[in-house]
Amino acid sequence: MPPVEFGVAIGIAAAALVVGAGITFLILFLIGKNKKTSANRKAEGILRDAKDKADRIVKNAQLDAKQSMFEAKQQNENDARQRKAEIAAEQQKLDLRIAAFDERENQLLRRTEALEAKSQSLDAQIESNKRRKEELDTKVDEIIKELEKVSGMSVQEAHDEIMARVENKMAMEISAYIKNAEDEARDTAQAKAVDLLVSACQRYAQDVVTERTVSVVALPSDEMKGRIIGREGRNIRVLEQQLGVDLVIDDTPEAITVSCFDPIRREIARRSLEILVKDGRIQPGRIEDVVAKVKKEVEESCAKYGQEACFKLGLPRINRELLSYIGRLHYRTSYGQNALTHSMEVAYLAGIMAGELGLDTNLARRAGLLHDIGKAVDFEQEGTHVQLGYELAKKYGEPEVVLNAIQSHHGDVPAKFVISYLVAAGDTLSAARPGARSETLETYVKRIEALETIAKKYDGVSQAYAMQSGREIRVMVIPEKVSDAEAVKMAQDIRTEIENGVTYPGQIKVSVIREYRAIETAK
């Protein structure tokens, strides 16, 4: 293409491009203008709608405010009317009360005037009585002087004579009255008491448990005694030092006796020796390990026994430390009777009797179980088992009924609750059952002699016999010297002296027998 034509073509193209660009700009301008106009129209419409809504909201709010003001005004007027009515009613009550007070004041004034009149009348009567008393005293003195002259006795001598006669007469009457009162009490109360106790005993069934106070460990052979003693007594010294007991190795074949007042130590010693004998390794180091292990096992068994006892009795919420003390009673005996078994028996009996009387059976069982808890520590601390048991139960927050039952079951303090009497009765029943307790022959003989000695020292006693293993004392009296009323008084005196001077398990019955026989022989 020639240069000229090429230049012309470029010019045409450039002109066409400019014209196209102008047309495009014009079209875009017109489109934007139309959009702006449409947007303005929409905005104006939205503004008009918003203004209309705002006007409606304002009108509605004004109407609601006027309505609320009207309702509040009505409510205030109603409240004001109600308050006025209440004030009027209170005013009316106040007026009535004031009128009543005025009337009461008038009555008090009238009573005061009447009392003043009576007081004046009484003063006059008192003065009159004083004068009469003086006159009577004068006459009595004159009469007494005349009587002294006639009788030849002074007033004091006559008084002493009369008192002596009255005392002799009243002694017989008092004895007869005591006997009649006891008979009446037995007729009304004994039947019920016997039924209650018999019912409790029949409903409770338990084997009699008797344990020894000395433990015996069996040996496979007598050669084991030498190994227990050890070279120059080394092993037995360590055993006695660790266990705190006395080991008696005598001529008894294939046996060692463990002697100790502390039942826990005795049980630890028995178990430790059985383990050592079975193991065969008896030396100081092994002894210390076994004793430490057995001590821990015994402590765990005490807690277990306590938990089992409470579970059998159905007693919840007992302190865990107190349970361990309860379990210790398993290794404690009293006159050969297991202390834990005895405590459970008392708990069962007290619970049964409490149920018959409509009392709290759980509380009665709790008191019965803990009544001898002091025996768990009486071999470790100073004091009676009653005092120690009271302090131990109080330490762990036991109820007042339980504390009083512990203190009163042997009569150390008065019983303040019915359950305390039931625990004492259950304690007596459990201890008095035949075979429940045993004692040494020496103690038994001394007790029998003491009972017969007490009875024989009374004037008018011909013979006295202790019977039923010392649970009854029968006293034969001379009928010419002792009357029926005096026999009743003698039985009471013997009972009191036995209670104060003799130690015995259970109870002792005192029977004073007076029999008059008239015997003639026909020849």
Protein backbone atom coordinates (compact mmCIF):
# COMPACT_ATOMS: atom_id res chain seq x y z
CA MET A 1 0.00 0.00 0.00
CA PRO A 2 1.34 3.43 -0.94
CA PRO A 3 2.31 5.67 1.99
CA VAL A 4 -0.40 8.24 1.20
CA GLU A 5 -3.22 5.72 1.28
CA PHE A 6 -1.81 4.23 4.42
CA GLY A 7 -1.85 7.59 6.15
CA VAL A 8 -5.40 8.30 5.01
CA ALA A 9 -6.54 4.92 6.35
CA ILE A 10 -4.93 5.61 9.69
CA GLY A 11 -6.66 8.98 9.86
CA ILE A 12 -10.05 7.47 9.10
CA ALA A 13 -9.54 4.86 11.73
CA ALA A 14 -8.55 7.44 14.28
CA ALA A 15 -11.58 9.55 13.46
CA ALA A 16 -13.86 6.53 13.76
CA LEU A 17 -12.33 5.68 17.10
CA VAL A 18 -12.90 9.21 18.43
CA VAL A 19 -16.49 9.23 17.19
CA GLY A 20 -17.14 5.77 18.83
CA ALA A 21 -15.65 6.90 22.09
CA GLY A 22 -17.86 9.99 22.11
CA ILE A 23 -20.97 8.01 21.37
CA THR A 24 -20.09 5.53 24.16
CA PHE A 25 -19.54 8.32 26.69
CA LEU A 26 -22.86 9.89 25.75
CA ILE A 27 -24.69 6.62 26.19
CA LEU A 28 -23.09 5.98 29.60
CA PHE A 29 -23.90 9.52 30.69
CA LEU A 30 -27.56 9.12 29.80
CA ILE A 31 -27.77 5.75 31.56
CA GLY A 32 -26.22 7.13 34.79
CA LYS A 33 -28.54 10.09 34.77
CA ASN A 34 -31.58 7.84 34.46
CA LYS A 35 -30.35 5.63 37.38
CA LYS A 36 -29.82 8.66 39.60
CA THR A 37 -33.27 9.95 38.87
CA SER A 38 -34.80 6.54 39.68
CA ALA A 39 -32.81 6.30 42.96
CA ASN A 40 -33.95 9.75 43.99
CA ARG A 41 -37.55 8.76 43.40
CA LYS A 42 -37.11 5.57 45.55
CA ALA A 43 -35.43 7.53 48.35
CA GLU A 44 -38.22 10.06 48.40
CA GLY A 45 -40.76 7.21 48.60
CA ILE A 46 -38.89 5.58 51.53
CA LEU A 47 -38.69 8.88 53.37
CA ARG A 48 -42.41 9.47 52.92
CA ASP A 49 -43.19 5.94 54.23
CA ALA A 50 -40.87 6.38 57.25
CA LYS A 51 -42.43 9.73 58.07
CA ASP A 52 -45.93 8.21 57.89
CA LYS A 53 -44.87 5.33 60.22
CA ALA A 54 -43.27 7.76 62.65
CA ASP A 55 -46.45 9.83 62.75
CA ARG A 56 -48.53 6.72 63.45
CA ILE A 57 -46.13 5.56 66.23
CA VAL A 58 -46.25 8.98 67.89
CA LYS A 59 -50.05 9.02 67.75
CA ASN A 60 -50.24 5.48 69.20
CA ALA A 61 -47.80 6.38 71.95
CA GLN A 62 -49.82 9.44 72.86
CA LEU A 63 -52.99 7.35 73.00
CA ASP A 64 -51.28 4.69 75.19
CA ALA A 65 -49.94 7.38 77.53
CA LYS A 66 -53.40 8.93 77.91
CA GLN A 67 -54.90 5.47 78.55
CA SER A 68 -52.22 4.65 81.18
CA MET A 69 -52.75 7.99 82.89
CA PHE A 70 -56.48 7.37 83.01
CA GLU A 71 -56.04 3.85 84.45
CA ALA A 72 -53.51 5.08 87.03
CA LYS A 73 -55.89 7.80 88.09
CA GLN A 74 -58.71 5.28 88.48
CA GLN A 75 -56.42 2.95 90.50
CA ASN A 76 -55.34 5.78 92.79
CA GLU A 77 -58.94 6.76 93.39
CA ASN A 78 -59.84 3.13 94.20
CA ASP A 79 -56.84 2.80 96.56
CA ALA A 80 -57.78 6.04 98.27
CA ARG A 81 -61.36 4.86 98.80
CA GLN A 82 -60.14 1.47 100.14
CA ARG A 83 -57.63 3.14 102.47
CA LYS A 84 -60.33 5.46 103.81
CA ALA A 85 -62.54 2.43 104.49
CA GLU A 86 -59.69 0.64 106.32
CA ILE A 87 -58.91 3.73 108.37
CA ALA A 88 -62.58 4.05 109.30
CA ALA A 89 -62.66 0.35 110.38
CA GLU A 90 -59.48 0.73 112.44
CA GLN A 91 -60.87 3.87 114.02
CA GLN A 92 -64.02 1.96 114.95
CA LYS A 93 -61.95 -0.87 116.50
CA LEU A 94 -59.85 1.65 118.38
CA ASP A 95 -62.97 3.33 119.74
CA LEU A 96 -64.31 -0.06 120.91
CA ARG A 97 -60.97 -0.93 122.54
CA ILE A 98 -60.84 2.42 124.33
CA ALA A 99 -64.35 1.84 125.60
CA ALA A 100 -63.35 -1.66 126.83
CA PHE A 101 -60.29 -0.23 128.59
CA ASP A 102 -62.46 2.38 130.29
CA GLU A 103 -64.85 -0.33 131.47
CA ARG A 104 -61.95 -2.49 132.73
CA GLU A 105 -60.49 0.47 134.57
CA ASN A 106 -63.82 1.07 136.27
CA GLN A 107 -63.97 -2.62 137.28
CA LEU A 108 -60.44 -2.44 138.70
CA LEU A 109 -61.35 0.61 140.73
CA ARG A 110 -64.39 -1.18 142.14
CA ARG A 111 -62.27 -4.28 142.96
CA THR A 112 -59.61 -2.12 144.61
CA GLU A 113 -62.21 -0.52 146.81
CA ALA A 114 -63.63 -3.95 147.71
CA LEU A 115 -60.13 -5.29 148.53
CA GLU A 116 -59.38 -2.32 150.72
CA ALA A 117 -62.61 -2.96 152.61
CA LYS A 118 -61.71 -6.67 153.01
CA SER A 119 -58.19 -5.74 154.14
CA GLN A 120 -59.58 -3.52 156.87
CA SER A 121 -61.93 -6.31 157.93
CA LEU A 122 -59.05 -8.86 158.00
CA ASP A 123 -56.89 -6.51 160.06
CA ALA A 124 -59.66 -6.27 162.56
CA GLN A 125 -60.01 -10.08 162.64
CA ILE A 126 -56.24 -10.52 163.08
CA GLU A 127 -56.25 -8.20 166.06
CA SER A 128 -59.18 -10.10 167.52
CA ASN A 129 -57.42 -13.46 166.94
CA LYS A 130 -54.27 -12.19 168.63
CA ARG A 131 -56.22 -11.25 171.71
CA ARG A 132 -57.96 -14.65 171.71
CA LYS A 133 -54.61 -16.47 171.28
CA GLU A 134 -53.12 -14.63 174.22
CA GLU A 135 -56.13 -15.57 176.32
CA LEU A 136 -55.92 -19.24 175.18
CA ASP A 137 -52.15 -19.39 175.85
CA THR A 138 -52.77 -18.12 179.35
CA LYS A 139 -55.48 -20.73 179.92
CA VAL A 140 -53.30 -23.53 178.43
CA ASP A 141 -50.41 -22.59 180.75
CA GLU A 142 -52.74 -22.70 183.70
CA ILE A 143 -54.11 -26.11 182.62
CA ILE A 144 -50.58 -27.51 182.10
CA LYS A 145 -49.55 -26.38 185.56
CA GLU A 146 -52.62 -28.06 187.05
CA LEU A 147 -51.85 -31.28 185.07
CA GLU A 148 -48.24 -31.28 186.27
CA LYS A 149 -49.43 -30.98 189.86
CA VAL A 150 -51.92 -33.83 189.42
CA SER A 151 -49.66 -36.24 187.41
CA GLY A 152 -46.39 -35.47 189.11
CA MET A 153 -44.62 -35.30 185.65
CA SER A 154 -43.14 -32.37 183.77
CA VAL A 155 -44.13 -31.51 180.20
CA GLN A 156 -40.84 -32.87 178.81
CA GLU A 157 -41.20 -36.13 180.73
CA ALA A 158 -44.76 -36.56 179.45
CA HIS A 159 -43.60 -35.76 175.91
CA ASP A 160 -40.81 -38.36 176.10
CA GLU A 161 -43.19 -40.99 177.45
CA ILE A 162 -45.74 -40.39 174.73
CA MET A 163 -43.09 -40.39 171.99
CA ALA A 164 -41.66 -43.68 173.26
CA ARG A 165 -45.08 -45.31 173.18
CA VAL A 166 -45.84 -43.87 169.75
CA GLU A 167 -42.47 -45.03 168.40
CA ASN A 168 -43.04 -48.61 169.58
CA LYS A 169 -46.51 -48.63 168.14
CA MET A 170 -45.50 -47.01 164.83
CA ALA A 171 -42.61 -49.45 164.29
CA MET A 172 -45.11 -52.30 164.08
CA GLU A 173 -47.52 -50.27 161.99
CA ILE A 174 -44.76 -49.17 159.61
CA SER A 175 -43.60 -52.76 159.13
CA ALA A 176 -47.18 -53.87 158.46
CA TYR A 177 -47.70 -50.94 156.10
CA ILE A 178 -44.51 -51.78 154.20
CA LYS A 179 -45.65 -55.37 153.80
CA ASN A 180 -49.12 -54.33 152.59
CA ALA A 181 -47.62 -51.79 150.20
CA GLU A 182 -45.24 -54.38 148.77
CA ASP A 183 -48.09 -56.86 148.33
CA GLU A 184 -50.20 -54.26 146.51
CA ALA A 185 -47.25 -53.26 144.32
CA ARG A 186 -46.60 -56.89 143.43
CA ASP A 187 -50.27 -57.47 142.57
CA THR A 188 -50.37 -54.52 140.16
CA ALA A 189 -46.83 -54.26 138.80
CA GLN A 190 -45.18 -57.65 139.09
CA ALA A 191 -47.51 -59.37 136.66
CA LYS A 192 -46.82 -56.78 133.96
CA ALA A 193 -43.09 -56.73 134.67
CA VAL A 194 -42.85 -60.51 134.55
CA ASP A 195 -44.79 -60.67 131.30
CA LEU A 196 -42.53 -58.04 129.79
CA LEU A 197 -39.30 -59.72 130.85
CA VAL A 198 -40.50 -63.20 129.91
CA SER A 199 -41.59 -61.95 126.51
CA ALA A 200 -38.19 -60.37 125.95
CA CYS A 201 -36.35 -63.52 127.03
CA GLN A 202 -38.53 -65.79 124.88
CA ARG A 203 -38.16 -63.64 121.80
CA TYR A 204 -34.37 -63.46 122.21
CA ALA A 205 -32.45 -66.68 121.64
CA GLN A 206 -28.67 -66.76 121.88
CA ASP A 207 -26.07 -69.37 122.82
CA VAL A 208 -24.17 -68.89 126.06
CA VAL A 209 -20.56 -67.89 125.30
CA THR A 210 -17.81 -68.58 127.85
CA GLU A 211 -14.15 -67.84 127.10
CA ARG A 212 -10.96 -68.36 129.06
CA THR A 213 -8.89 -65.51 130.41
CA VAL A 214 -5.62 -67.33 129.68
CA SER A 215 -4.61 -68.26 126.13
CA VAL A 216 -2.85 -71.54 125.36
CA VAL A 217 -0.79 -72.00 122.18
CA ALA A 218 -0.37 -75.58 120.96
CA LEU A 219 3.09 -76.68 119.78
CA PRO A 220 3.88 -79.44 117.30
CA SER A 221 6.51 -80.84 119.69
CA ASP A 222 8.38 -79.99 122.88
CA GLU A 223 11.48 -79.19 120.81
CA MET A 224 9.71 -76.01 119.69
CA LYS A 225 9.89 -74.72 123.28
CA GLY A 226 13.67 -74.53 123.03
CA ARG A 227 13.49 -72.64 119.75
CA ILE A 228 11.00 -70.16 121.28
CA ILE A 229 13.31 -69.61 124.26
CA GLY A 230 16.31 -69.20 121.96
CA ARG A 231 20.00 -69.08 122.78
CA GLU A 232 20.42 -67.75 126.33
CA GLY A 233 16.72 -66.75 126.33
CA ARG A 234 17.14 -64.18 123.54
CA ASN A 235 13.95 -65.05 121.63
CA ILE A 236 11.61 -65.20 124.62
CA ARG A 237 12.91 -61.86 125.91
CA VAL A 238 12.16 -60.22 122.56
CA LEU A 239 8.74 -61.87 122.48
CA GLU A 240 7.78 -60.65 125.96
CA GLN A 241 9.17 -57.18 125.23
CA GLN A 242 7.32 -56.82 121.92
CA LEU A 243 4.06 -58.43 123.07
CA GLY A 244 3.88 -57.09 126.64
CA VAL A 245 2.77 -60.48 128.04
CA ASP A 246 4.16 -63.26 130.20
CA LEU A 247 4.98 -66.54 128.43
CA VAL A 248 4.70 -69.52 130.77
CA ILE A 249 6.77 -72.46 129.49
CA ASP A 250 6.33 -75.27 132.02
CA ASP A 251 6.02 -79.03 132.02
CA THR A 252 2.74 -78.96 130.11
CA PRO A 253 3.44 -81.08 127.03
CA GLU A 254 3.32 -79.36 123.64
CA ALA A 255 1.77 -76.12 124.93
CA ILE A 256 2.73 -72.58 125.98
CA THR A 257 0.51 -70.43 128.21
CA VAL A 258 0.11 -66.71 127.47
CA SER A 259 -0.77 -64.72 130.61
CA CYS A 260 -1.80 -61.05 130.54
CA PHE A 261 -4.58 -58.85 131.97
CA ASP A 262 -4.94 -57.00 128.66
CA PRO A 263 -7.07 -59.22 126.35
CA ILE A 264 -5.90 -57.39 123.22
CA ARG A 265 -2.26 -58.04 124.01
CA ARG A 266 -3.08 -61.66 124.83
CA GLU A 267 -4.81 -62.11 121.45
CA ILE A 268 -1.88 -60.49 119.60
CA ALA A 269 0.54 -62.79 121.44
CA ARG A 270 -1.53 -65.89 120.64
CA ARG A 271 -1.75 -65.10 116.93
CA SER A 272 1.93 -64.12 116.70
CA LEU A 273 3.10 -67.33 118.36
CA GLU A 274 0.89 -69.46 116.11
CA ILE A 275 2.38 -67.79 113.01
CA LEU A 276 5.96 -68.15 114.30
CA VAL A 277 5.45 -71.80 115.25
CA LYS A 278 3.90 -72.61 111.89
CA ASP A 279 6.62 -70.73 109.99
CA GLY A 280 9.48 -72.16 112.04
CA ARG A 281 11.70 -69.08 111.63
CA ILE A 282 11.97 -67.73 115.18
CA GLN A 283 14.50 -64.95 115.50
CA PRO A 284 14.37 -61.35 116.82
CA GLY A 285 13.96 -59.67 113.42
CA ARG A 286 11.26 -62.08 112.30
CA ILE A 287 9.48 -61.71 115.68
CA GLU A 288 9.28 -57.92 115.31
CA ASP A 289 7.86 -58.17 111.77
CA VAL A 290 5.21 -60.73 112.75
CA VAL A 291 4.12 -58.80 115.85
CA ALA A 292 3.74 -55.56 113.85
CA LYS A 293 1.68 -57.36 111.20
CA VAL A 294 -0.56 -59.07 113.79
CA LYS A 295 -1.16 -55.81 115.66
CA LYS A 296 -2.48 -54.24 112.47
CA GLU A 297 -4.69 -57.29 111.79
CA VAL A 298 -6.16 -57.18 115.32
CA GLU A 299 -6.95 -53.47 114.96
CA GLU A 300 -8.73 -54.17 111.68
CA SER A 301 -10.61 -57.09 113.24
CA CYS A 302 -11.77 -54.83 116.11
CA ALA A 303 -13.28 -52.39 113.62
CA LYS A 304 -14.84 -55.31 111.73
CA TYR A 305 -16.42 -56.79 114.89
CA GLY A 306 -17.82 -53.36 115.77
CA GLN A 307 -19.31 -52.90 112.30
CA GLU A 308 -20.85 -56.38 112.34
CA ALA A 309 -22.42 -55.79 115.78
CA CYS A 310 -23.96 -52.50 114.65
CA PHE A 311 -25.16 -54.09 111.40
CA LYS A 312 -26.86 -56.96 113.25
CA LEU A 313 -28.55 -54.49 115.60
CA GLY A 314 -29.51 -52.13 112.77
CA LEU A 315 -27.74 -49.13 114.33
CA PRO A 316 -26.66 -46.43 111.84
CA ARG A 317 -24.43 -43.38 112.30
CA ILE A 318 -21.98 -44.56 114.97
CA ASN A 319 -18.56 -42.91 115.01
CA ARG A 320 -15.93 -45.01 113.21
CA GLU A 321 -13.45 -44.69 116.10
CA LEU A 322 -16.16 -45.78 118.55
CA LEU A 323 -16.79 -48.87 116.38
CA SER A 324 -13.21 -49.96 117.05
CA TYR A 325 -13.81 -49.71 120.81
CA ILE A 326 -17.00 -51.77 120.42
CA GLY A 327 -15.01 -54.44 118.56
CA ARG A 328 -12.47 -54.57 121.39
CA LEU A 329 -15.18 -55.99 123.63
CA HIS A 330 -14.95 -59.21 121.58
CA TYR A 331 -11.64 -59.94 123.33
CA ARG A 332 -12.90 -58.86 126.80
CA THR A 333 -14.59 -61.19 129.28
CA SER A 334 -16.46 -60.63 132.55
CA TYR A 335 -16.86 -63.66 134.80
CA GLY A 336 -16.09 -65.73 131.67
CA GLN A 337 -18.88 -64.07 129.64
CA ASN A 338 -17.84 -62.43 126.38
CA ALA A 339 -18.32 -58.67 126.78
CA LEU A 340 -19.39 -58.01 123.17
CA THR A 341 -21.88 -60.86 123.21
CA HIS A 342 -23.21 -59.63 126.55
CA SER A 343 -23.57 -56.07 125.19
CA MET A 344 -25.44 -57.32 122.12
CA GLU A 345 -27.74 -59.41 124.34
CA VAL A 346 -28.51 -56.34 126.46
CA ALA A 347 -29.16 -54.34 123.28
CA TYR A 348 -31.58 -56.94 121.93
CA LEU A 349 -33.43 -57.28 125.26
CA ALA A 350 -33.65 -53.51 125.80
CA GLY A 351 -34.89 -53.05 122.23
CA ILE A 352 -37.59 -55.69 122.63
CA MET A 353 -38.81 -54.20 125.92
CA ALA A 354 -38.73 -50.69 124.44
CA GLY A 355 -40.84 -51.89 121.53
CA GLU A 356 -43.38 -53.40 123.96
CA LEU A 357 -43.58 -50.04 125.76
CA GLY A 358 -43.83 -47.96 122.57
CA LEU A 359 -40.37 -46.35 122.97
CA ASP A 360 -37.56 -45.75 120.48
CA THR A 361 -36.15 -49.25 119.87
CA ASN A 362 -33.04 -48.03 118.02
CA LEU A 363 -32.12 -45.69 120.88
CA ALA A 364 -32.66 -48.50 123.41
CA ARG A 365 -30.43 -50.86 121.41
CA ARG A 366 -27.78 -48.16 121.08
CA ALA A 367 -27.77 -47.62 124.86
CA GLY A 368 -27.67 -51.38 125.49
CA LEU A 369 -24.73 -51.91 123.12
CA LEU A 370 -22.68 -49.07 124.65
CA HIS A 371 -23.55 -49.61 128.33
CA ASP A 372 -20.27 -51.53 128.96
CA ILE A 373 -18.08 -49.67 126.43
CA GLY A 374 -15.81 -48.63 129.31
CA LYS A 375 -14.61 -52.25 129.54
CA ALA A 376 -12.81 -51.70 126.23
CA VAL A 377 -10.32 -49.34 127.93
CA ASP A 378 -10.49 -50.15 131.67
CA PHE A 379 -7.29 -52.22 131.43
CA GLU A 380 -5.47 -49.21 129.90
CA GLN A 381 -6.83 -46.27 131.95
CA GLU A 382 -7.60 -45.60 135.61
CA GLY A 383 -11.24 -45.60 136.68
CA THR A 384 -14.32 -47.82 136.72
CA HIS A 385 -15.79 -49.07 133.47
CA VAL A 386 -18.88 -46.93 134.17
CA GLN A 387 -16.88 -43.72 134.46
CA LEU A 388 -14.61 -44.56 131.52
CA GLY A 389 -17.59 -45.57 129.36
CA TYR A 390 -19.42 -42.31 130.13
CA GLU A 391 -16.35 -40.23 129.20
CA LEU A 392 -15.77 -42.24 126.01
CA ALA A 393 -19.40 -41.99 124.84
CA LYS A 394 -19.53 -38.28 125.68
CA LYS A 395 -16.33 -37.71 123.70
CA TYR A 396 -17.96 -39.12 120.55
CA GLY A 397 -21.22 -37.16 120.98
CA GLU A 398 -23.62 -39.88 122.12
CA PRO A 399 -27.16 -38.74 123.17
CA GLU A 400 -28.03 -37.92 126.78
CA VAL A 401 -30.16 -41.08 127.07
CA VAL A 402 -27.17 -43.27 126.21
CA LEU A 403 -24.91 -41.40 128.65
CA ASN A 404 -27.42 -41.80 131.49
CA ALA A 405 -27.89 -45.51 130.71
CA ILE A 406 -24.10 -46.03 130.94
CA GLN A 407 -23.89 -44.19 134.28
CA SER A 408 -26.97 -45.73 135.89
CA HIS A 409 -26.90 -49.40 134.84
CA HIS A 410 -25.03 -50.29 138.07
CA GLY A 411 -26.81 -47.65 140.21
CA ASP A 412 -23.89 -45.19 140.32
CA VAL A 413 -26.24 -42.33 139.42
CA PRO A 414 -30.07 -42.18 139.33
CA ALA A 415 -31.76 -43.23 136.09
CA LYS A 416 -33.50 -40.28 134.40
CA PHE A 417 -35.03 -42.07 131.41
CA VAL A 418 -37.18 -45.18 130.97
CA ILE A 419 -34.60 -46.59 128.54
CA SER A 420 -32.00 -46.41 131.33
CA TYR A 421 -34.16 -48.74 133.44
CA LEU A 422 -34.58 -51.09 130.45
CA VAL A 423 -30.81 -51.26 129.92
CA ALA A 424 -30.28 -52.08 133.61
CA ALA A 425 -32.96 -54.81 133.37
CA GLY A 426 -31.40 -56.22 130.19
CA ASP A 427 -27.96 -56.20 131.84
CA THR A 428 -29.33 -58.18 134.78
CA LEU A 429 -31.15 -60.65 132.52
CA SER A 430 -28.08 -61.30 130.39
CA ALA A 431 -25.79 -61.78 133.39
CA ALA A 432 -28.23 -63.84 135.48
CA ARG A 433 -29.00 -66.53 132.90
CA PRO A 434 -27.75 -69.95 134.07
CA GLY A 435 -24.36 -70.64 132.51
CA ALA A 436 -23.85 -67.13 131.23
CA ARG A 437 -21.11 -66.34 133.72
CA SER A 438 -18.59 -68.39 135.63
CA GLU A 439 -16.27 -67.60 138.52
CA THR A 440 -13.43 -69.23 140.36
CA LEU A 441 -14.09 -71.67 143.19
CA GLU A 442 -12.34 -69.43 145.71
CA THR A 443 -14.48 -66.40 144.82
CA TYR A 444 -17.63 -68.53 144.89
CA VAL A 445 -16.89 -69.96 148.36
CA LYS A 446 -16.08 -66.52 149.79
CA ARG A 447 -19.31 -65.10 148.44
CA ILE A 448 -21.38 -67.96 149.92
CA GLU A 449 -19.70 -67.49 153.31
CA ALA A 450 -20.27 -63.74 153.22
CA LEU A 451 -23.98 -64.17 152.49
CA GLU A 452 -24.50 -66.65 155.33
CA THR A 453 -22.45 -64.51 157.76
CA ILE A 454 -24.56 -61.42 157.04
CA ALA A 455 -27.81 -63.29 157.62
CA LYS A 456 -26.76 -65.15 160.80
CA LYS A 457 -25.73 -62.02 162.72
CA TYR A 458 -29.33 -60.78 163.06
CA ASP A 459 -31.12 -61.44 166.33
CA GLY A 460 -33.75 -64.17 166.09
CA VAL A 461 -32.10 -66.06 163.17
CA SER A 462 -31.79 -69.80 163.72
CA GLN A 463 -30.28 -70.89 160.38
CA ALA A 464 -29.22 -69.30 157.08
CA TYR A 465 -28.46 -71.16 153.84
CA ALA A 466 -27.09 -69.84 150.54
CA MET A 467 -28.80 -71.70 147.69
CA GLN A 468 -28.91 -71.85 143.87
CA SER A 469 -25.18 -71.17 143.50
CA GLY A 470 -25.37 -68.16 145.74
CA ARG A 471 -28.28 -66.53 143.95
CA GLU A 472 -30.66 -66.98 146.90
CA ILE A 473 -30.23 -66.74 150.67
CA ARG A 474 -32.88 -68.41 152.87
CA VAL A 475 -33.06 -67.26 156.47
CA MET A 476 -34.92 -69.30 159.11
CA VAL A 477 -36.07 -67.20 162.09
CA ILE A 478 -37.42 -68.15 165.53
CA PRO A 479 -41.16 -67.33 165.45
CA GLU A 480 -41.26 -66.43 169.18
CA LYS A 481 -38.62 -63.71 168.65
CA VAL A 482 -39.48 -62.38 165.17
CA SER A 483 -42.98 -61.36 164.10
CA ASP A 484 -44.28 -61.31 160.51
CA ALA A 485 -43.79 -57.54 160.26
CA GLU A 486 -40.26 -57.78 161.69
CA ALA A 487 -39.46 -60.55 159.18
CA VAL A 488 -40.30 -58.17 156.33
CA LYS A 489 -38.02 -55.51 157.78
CA MET A 490 -35.23 -58.06 158.34
CA ALA A 491 -35.38 -59.14 154.67
CA GLN A 492 -35.04 -55.53 153.60
CA ASP A 493 -32.09 -54.92 155.95
CA ILE A 494 -30.28 -58.06 154.73
CA ARG A 495 -30.87 -57.06 151.11
CA THR A 496 -29.42 -53.58 151.75
CA GLU A 497 -26.35 -54.97 153.51
CA ILE A 498 -25.69 -57.47 150.71
CA GLU A 499 -25.95 -54.73 148.08
CA ASN A 500 -23.49 -52.54 149.97
CA GLY A 501 -20.99 -55.18 151.14
CA VAL A 502 -20.89 -58.08 148.66
CA THR A 503 -19.72 -58.21 145.04
CA TYR A 504 -21.76 -60.63 142.95
CA PRO A 505 -22.97 -61.15 139.37
CA GLY A 506 -26.67 -60.89 138.58
CA GLN A 507 -29.05 -60.68 141.55
CA ILE A 508 -29.59 -62.39 144.89
CA LYS A 509 -33.00 -63.26 146.33
CA VAL A 510 -33.45 -62.91 150.12
CA SER A 511 -36.13 -65.13 151.69
CA VAL A 512 -36.92 -64.82 155.43
CA ILE A 513 -39.02 -67.80 156.58
CA ARG A 514 -41.02 -67.69 159.81
CA GLU A 515 -43.00 -70.78 160.71
CA TYR A 516 -44.71 -71.59 164.01
CA ARG A 517 -45.49 -75.24 164.73
CA ALA A 518 -47.54 -76.53 167.63
CA ILE A 519 -46.68 -80.20 168.20
CA GLU A 520 -48.26 -82.50 170.74
CA THR A 521 -47.94 -86.25 171.18
CA ALA A 522 -50.87 -88.41 172.24
CA LYS A 523 -49.90 -91.21 174.55
